Amino acid sequence: MKELSVFCDESGDFGEYDHHSPYYIIALVFHDQNIDITSELDHLEHELTLLGLPNHCIHTGPIIRKEEPYSDLSIKERRNILNKLVAFYRNVDISYKCFMIE
């Protein structure tokens, strides 16, 4: 029997409408547990360690907005983190679906 992992993340809120952020977004990431992604995860961890971020959990919103723990990093350093994450996504066998609610 296959085991499917589903990771869910959301962004936005259902409060009053705000013209600069009108959407509530839900993203689902799917991973078949029969597909081993250990080497890709190890590679990402190694790349983050080279950037001075060992055992780091990447949060893209704070990277983009230059919030903690990324507030002291330059745009080039923050872009490098995002590039490592994109490279990981391109090399790993996962799928995703995003829903945007206005």
N, C-alpha and C. Protein backbone atom coordinates (compact mmCIF):
# COMPACT_ATOMS: atom_id res chain seq x y z
N MET A 1 0.83 -1.18 0.00
CA MET A 1 0.00 0.00 0.00
C MET A 1 0.88 1.25 0.00
N LYS A 2 0.57 2.18 -0.87
CA LYS A 2 1.32 3.43 -0.94
C LYS A 2 0.95 4.35 0.21
N GLU A 3 1.94 5.13 0.64
CA GLU A 3 1.68 6.16 1.64
C GLU A 3 2.00 7.50 1.01
N LEU A 4 1.01 8.38 1.02
CA LEU A 4 1.15 9.70 0.44
C LEU A 4 1.19 10.73 1.56
N SER A 5 2.24 11.54 1.57
CA SER A 5 2.31 12.65 2.51
C SER A 5 1.76 13.89 1.83
N VAL A 6 0.97 14.64 2.56
CA VAL A 6 0.40 15.88 2.05
C VAL A 6 0.76 16.98 3.05
N PHE A 7 1.44 18.00 2.56
CA PHE A 7 1.82 19.14 3.38
C PHE A 7 0.96 20.32 2.94
N CYS A 8 0.41 21.03 3.88
CA CYS A 8 -0.48 22.14 3.58
C CYS A 8 0.09 23.43 4.18
N ASP A 9 0.04 24.50 3.40
CA ASP A 9 0.47 25.81 3.89
C ASP A 9 -0.53 26.84 3.38
N GLU A 10 -0.69 27.90 4.13
CA GLU A 10 -1.63 28.94 3.74
C GLU A 10 -1.00 30.30 3.93
N SER A 11 -1.57 31.26 3.23
CA SER A 11 -1.11 32.63 3.33
C SER A 11 -2.30 33.55 3.17
N GLY A 12 -2.32 34.60 3.96
CA GLY A 12 -3.41 35.55 3.90
C GLY A 12 -4.35 35.36 5.07
N ASP A 13 -5.45 36.08 5.03
CA ASP A 13 -6.45 35.89 6.09
C ASP A 13 -7.83 36.17 5.53
N PHE A 14 -8.84 35.78 6.27
CA PHE A 14 -10.23 35.99 5.85
C PHE A 14 -10.83 37.24 6.46
N GLY A 15 -9.98 38.16 6.90
CA GLY A 15 -10.45 39.41 7.49
C GLY A 15 -11.01 40.34 6.42
N GLU A 16 -11.09 41.61 6.77
CA GLU A 16 -11.60 42.60 5.82
C GLU A 16 -10.74 42.62 4.55
N TYR A 17 -11.39 42.91 3.44
CA TYR A 17 -10.70 42.99 2.15
C TYR A 17 -9.64 44.09 2.20
N ASP A 18 -8.46 43.75 1.69
CA ASP A 18 -7.37 44.73 1.59
C ASP A 18 -6.86 44.68 0.16
N HIS A 19 -6.92 45.79 -0.57
CA HIS A 19 -6.59 45.82 -1.99
C HIS A 19 -5.16 45.40 -2.30
N HIS A 20 -4.21 45.58 -1.38
CA HIS A 20 -2.83 45.21 -1.69
C HIS A 20 -2.56 43.72 -1.46
N SER A 21 -3.46 43.00 -0.82
CA SER A 21 -3.30 41.54 -0.66
C SER A 21 -4.70 40.90 -0.65
N PRO A 22 -5.31 40.85 -1.83
CA PRO A 22 -6.71 40.41 -1.90
C PRO A 22 -6.92 38.89 -1.85
N TYR A 23 -5.86 38.11 -1.84
CA TYR A 23 -6.03 36.66 -1.96
C TYR A 23 -5.68 35.92 -0.68
N TYR A 24 -6.37 34.82 -0.48
CA TYR A 24 -6.02 33.82 0.52
C TYR A 24 -5.54 32.63 -0.30
N ILE A 25 -4.36 32.14 -0.02
CA ILE A 25 -3.76 31.09 -0.84
C ILE A 25 -3.51 29.85 0.00
N ILE A 26 -3.91 28.71 -0.53
CA ILE A 26 -3.65 27.42 0.10
C ILE A 26 -2.79 26.61 -0.86
N ALA A 27 -1.68 26.10 -0.38
CA ALA A 27 -0.80 25.26 -1.20
C ALA A 27 -0.72 23.88 -0.59
N LEU A 28 -0.85 22.87 -1.43
CA LEU A 28 -0.72 21.48 -1.01
C LEU A 28 0.46 20.87 -1.75
N VAL A 29 1.34 20.21 -1.00
CA VAL A 29 2.50 19.54 -1.59
C VAL A 29 2.32 18.05 -1.33
N PHE A 30 2.48 17.24 -2.38
CA PHE A 30 2.26 15.80 -2.30
C PHE A 30 3.57 15.05 -2.52
N HIS A 31 3.81 14.06 -1.67
CA HIS A 31 5.02 13.25 -1.81
C HIS A 31 4.68 11.78 -1.54
N ASP A 32 4.93 10.94 -2.53
CA ASP A 32 4.77 9.50 -2.40
C ASP A 32 5.94 8.98 -1.55
N GLN A 33 5.65 8.44 -0.38
CA GLN A 33 6.70 8.00 0.55
C GLN A 33 7.52 6.84 0.00
N ASN A 34 7.06 6.18 -1.06
CA ASN A 34 7.86 5.12 -1.68
C ASN A 34 9.02 5.69 -2.49
N ILE A 35 8.99 6.97 -2.76
CA ILE A 35 10.07 7.63 -3.52
C ILE A 35 11.00 8.28 -2.53
N ASP A 36 12.21 7.79 -2.48
CA ASP A 36 13.21 8.29 -1.52
C ASP A 36 13.80 9.62 -2.00
N ILE A 37 13.67 10.64 -1.18
CA ILE A 37 14.23 11.96 -1.52
C ILE A 37 15.34 12.35 -0.54
N THR A 38 15.86 11.36 0.16
CA THR A 38 16.90 11.62 1.16
C THR A 38 18.11 12.32 0.57
N SER A 39 18.57 11.86 -0.60
CA SER A 39 19.77 12.47 -1.18
C SER A 39 19.52 13.93 -1.55
N GLU A 40 18.31 14.25 -2.06
CA GLU A 40 17.98 15.63 -2.40
C GLU A 40 17.91 16.49 -1.14
N LEU A 41 17.32 15.96 -0.06
CA LEU A 41 17.27 16.69 1.21
C LEU A 41 18.66 16.91 1.78
N ASP A 42 19.50 15.86 1.71
CA ASP A 42 20.88 16.00 2.18
C ASP A 42 21.64 17.06 1.39
N HIS A 43 21.41 17.09 0.09
CA HIS A 43 22.08 18.08 -0.75
C HIS A 43 21.62 19.50 -0.38
N LEU A 44 20.31 19.68 -0.19
CA LEU A 44 19.80 20.99 0.21
C LEU A 44 20.40 21.40 1.55
N GLU A 45 20.44 20.49 2.50
CA GLU A 45 21.02 20.79 3.81
C GLU A 45 22.49 21.18 3.67
N HIS A 46 23.23 20.48 2.83
CA HIS A 46 24.65 20.81 2.59
C HIS A 46 24.78 22.21 2.00
N GLU A 47 23.95 22.52 1.01
CA GLU A 47 24.00 23.84 0.37
C GLU A 47 23.66 24.96 1.36
N LEU A 48 22.67 24.73 2.22
CA LEU A 48 22.33 25.73 3.23
C LEU A 48 23.44 25.89 4.25
N THR A 49 24.11 24.79 4.59
CA THR A 49 25.25 24.86 5.52
C THR A 49 26.37 25.71 4.91
N LEU A 50 26.61 25.55 3.60
CA LEU A 50 27.63 26.37 2.93
C LEU A 50 27.25 27.85 2.96
N LEU A 51 25.96 28.14 3.04
CA LEU A 51 25.51 29.53 3.13
C LEU A 51 25.47 30.02 4.57
N GLY A 52 25.91 29.19 5.51
CA GLY A 52 25.94 29.57 6.91
C GLY A 52 24.62 29.32 7.63
N LEU A 53 23.79 28.43 7.08
CA LEU A 53 22.48 28.14 7.66
C LEU A 53 22.30 26.64 7.91
N PRO A 54 23.10 26.05 8.79
CA PRO A 54 22.95 24.62 9.06
C PRO A 54 21.64 24.34 9.80
N ASN A 55 21.04 23.20 9.52
CA ASN A 55 19.79 22.78 10.17
C ASN A 55 18.73 23.87 10.11
N HIS A 56 18.58 24.45 8.94
CA HIS A 56 17.69 25.61 8.78
C HIS A 56 16.40 25.22 8.07
N CYS A 57 15.30 25.73 8.56
CA CYS A 57 13.99 25.59 7.92
C CYS A 57 13.71 26.88 7.15
N ILE A 58 13.58 26.79 5.85
CA ILE A 58 13.41 27.97 5.00
C ILE A 58 11.96 28.46 5.07
N HIS A 59 11.81 29.76 5.29
CA HIS A 59 10.50 30.42 5.26
C HIS A 59 10.57 31.52 4.21
N THR A 60 9.89 31.32 3.10
CA THR A 60 10.06 32.24 1.97
C THR A 60 9.51 33.63 2.23
N GLY A 61 8.38 33.75 2.92
CA GLY A 61 7.81 35.07 3.19
C GLY A 61 8.79 35.99 3.90
N PRO A 62 9.36 35.55 5.02
CA PRO A 62 10.35 36.39 5.71
C PRO A 62 11.59 36.68 4.87
N ILE A 63 11.98 35.75 3.98
CA ILE A 63 13.12 36.03 3.10
C ILE A 63 12.77 37.21 2.19
N ILE A 64 11.59 37.16 1.58
CA ILE A 64 11.17 38.20 0.64
C ILE A 64 11.01 39.54 1.35
N ARG A 65 10.44 39.51 2.56
CA ARG A 65 10.18 40.76 3.28
C ARG A 65 11.36 41.22 4.15
N LYS A 66 12.46 40.46 4.12
CA LYS A 66 13.67 40.77 4.89
C LYS A 66 13.37 40.86 6.39
N GLU A 67 12.61 39.87 6.87
CA GLU A 67 12.28 39.77 8.28
C GLU A 67 13.22 38.78 8.96
N GLU A 68 13.14 38.72 10.29
CA GLU A 68 13.93 37.74 11.04
C GLU A 68 13.62 36.34 10.56
N PRO A 69 14.57 35.47 10.45
CA PRO A 69 15.99 35.62 10.80
C PRO A 69 16.85 36.09 9.63
N TYR A 70 16.21 36.68 8.60
CA TYR A 70 16.91 37.08 7.38
C TYR A 70 17.19 38.59 7.32
N SER A 71 16.86 39.32 8.35
CA SER A 71 16.93 40.78 8.31
C SER A 71 18.36 41.31 8.12
N ASP A 72 19.36 40.56 8.52
CA ASP A 72 20.75 41.01 8.37
C ASP A 72 21.40 40.53 7.07
N LEU A 73 20.65 39.80 6.25
CA LEU A 73 21.21 39.26 5.01
C LEU A 73 20.98 40.23 3.86
N SER A 74 21.92 40.26 2.94
CA SER A 74 21.78 41.10 1.74
C SER A 74 20.78 40.44 0.79
N ILE A 75 20.36 41.20 -0.21
CA ILE A 75 19.45 40.64 -1.20
C ILE A 75 20.11 39.48 -1.94
N LYS A 76 21.40 39.56 -2.19
CA LYS A 76 22.12 38.47 -2.86
C LYS A 76 22.10 37.21 -1.99
N GLU A 77 22.32 37.35 -0.70
CA GLU A 77 22.31 36.19 0.20
C GLU A 77 20.91 35.58 0.27
N ARG A 78 19.89 36.42 0.35
CA ARG A 78 18.52 35.91 0.40
C ARG A 78 18.15 35.25 -0.93
N ARG A 79 18.59 35.82 -2.04
CA ARG A 79 18.34 35.22 -3.35
C ARG A 79 19.02 33.86 -3.46
N ASN A 80 20.22 33.73 -2.91
CA ASN A 80 20.92 32.44 -2.92
C ASN A 80 20.12 31.36 -2.19
N ILE A 81 19.51 31.72 -1.07
CA ILE A 81 18.69 30.76 -0.34
C ILE A 81 17.51 30.32 -1.20
N LEU A 82 16.82 31.29 -1.80
CA LEU A 82 15.69 30.96 -2.66
C LEU A 82 16.11 30.12 -3.86
N ASN A 83 17.28 30.41 -4.43
CA ASN A 83 17.78 29.62 -5.56
C ASN A 83 18.04 28.17 -5.15
N LYS A 84 18.56 27.97 -3.95
CA LYS A 84 18.80 26.60 -3.46
C LYS A 84 17.48 25.85 -3.30
N LEU A 85 16.46 26.56 -2.82
CA LEU A 85 15.15 25.95 -2.65
C LEU A 85 14.54 25.59 -4.01
N VAL A 86 14.63 26.48 -4.97
CA VAL A 86 14.11 26.21 -6.31
C VAL A 86 14.84 25.02 -6.94
N ALA A 87 16.15 24.95 -6.79
CA ALA A 87 16.92 23.82 -7.32
C ALA A 87 16.45 22.51 -6.67
N PHE A 88 16.19 22.55 -5.38
CA PHE A 88 15.68 21.36 -4.69
C PHE A 88 14.35 20.93 -5.30
N TYR A 89 13.42 21.87 -5.47
CA TYR A 89 12.11 21.54 -6.04
C TYR A 89 12.23 20.94 -7.43
N ARG A 90 13.16 21.45 -8.22
CA ARG A 90 13.32 20.95 -9.59
C ARG A 90 13.89 19.54 -9.64
N ASN A 91 14.59 19.13 -8.58
CA ASN A 91 15.25 17.82 -8.59
C ASN A 91 14.56 16.75 -7.76
N VAL A 92 13.45 17.09 -7.14
CA VAL A 92 12.79 16.15 -6.26
C VAL A 92 11.44 15.74 -6.87
N ASP A 93 11.07 14.49 -6.66
CA ASP A 93 9.84 13.97 -7.24
C ASP A 93 8.66 14.24 -6.30
N ILE A 94 8.12 15.46 -6.39
CA ILE A 94 6.94 15.85 -5.62
C ILE A 94 6.00 16.57 -6.58
N SER A 95 4.79 16.77 -6.15
CA SER A 95 3.86 17.57 -6.93
C SER A 95 3.13 18.51 -5.98
N TYR A 96 2.47 19.51 -6.55
CA TYR A 96 1.79 20.49 -5.70
C TYR A 96 0.57 21.06 -6.43
N LYS A 97 -0.29 21.64 -5.66
CA LYS A 97 -1.46 22.34 -6.18
C LYS A 97 -1.73 23.55 -5.31
N CYS A 98 -1.94 24.70 -5.92
CA CYS A 98 -2.24 25.94 -5.19
C CYS A 98 -3.65 26.40 -5.52
N PHE A 99 -4.33 26.90 -4.50
CA PHE A 99 -5.67 27.46 -4.66
C PHE A 99 -5.64 28.91 -4.20
N MET A 100 -6.16 29.80 -5.03
CA MET A 100 -6.23 31.22 -4.69
C MET A 100 -7.70 31.58 -4.53
N ILE A 101 -8.01 32.18 -3.38
CA ILE A 101 -9.37 32.57 -3.08
C ILE A 101 -9.38 34.08 -2.90
N GLU A 102 -10.22 34.77 -3.69
CA GLU A 102 -10.29 36.22 -3.57
C GLU A 102 -11.40 36.61 -2.58
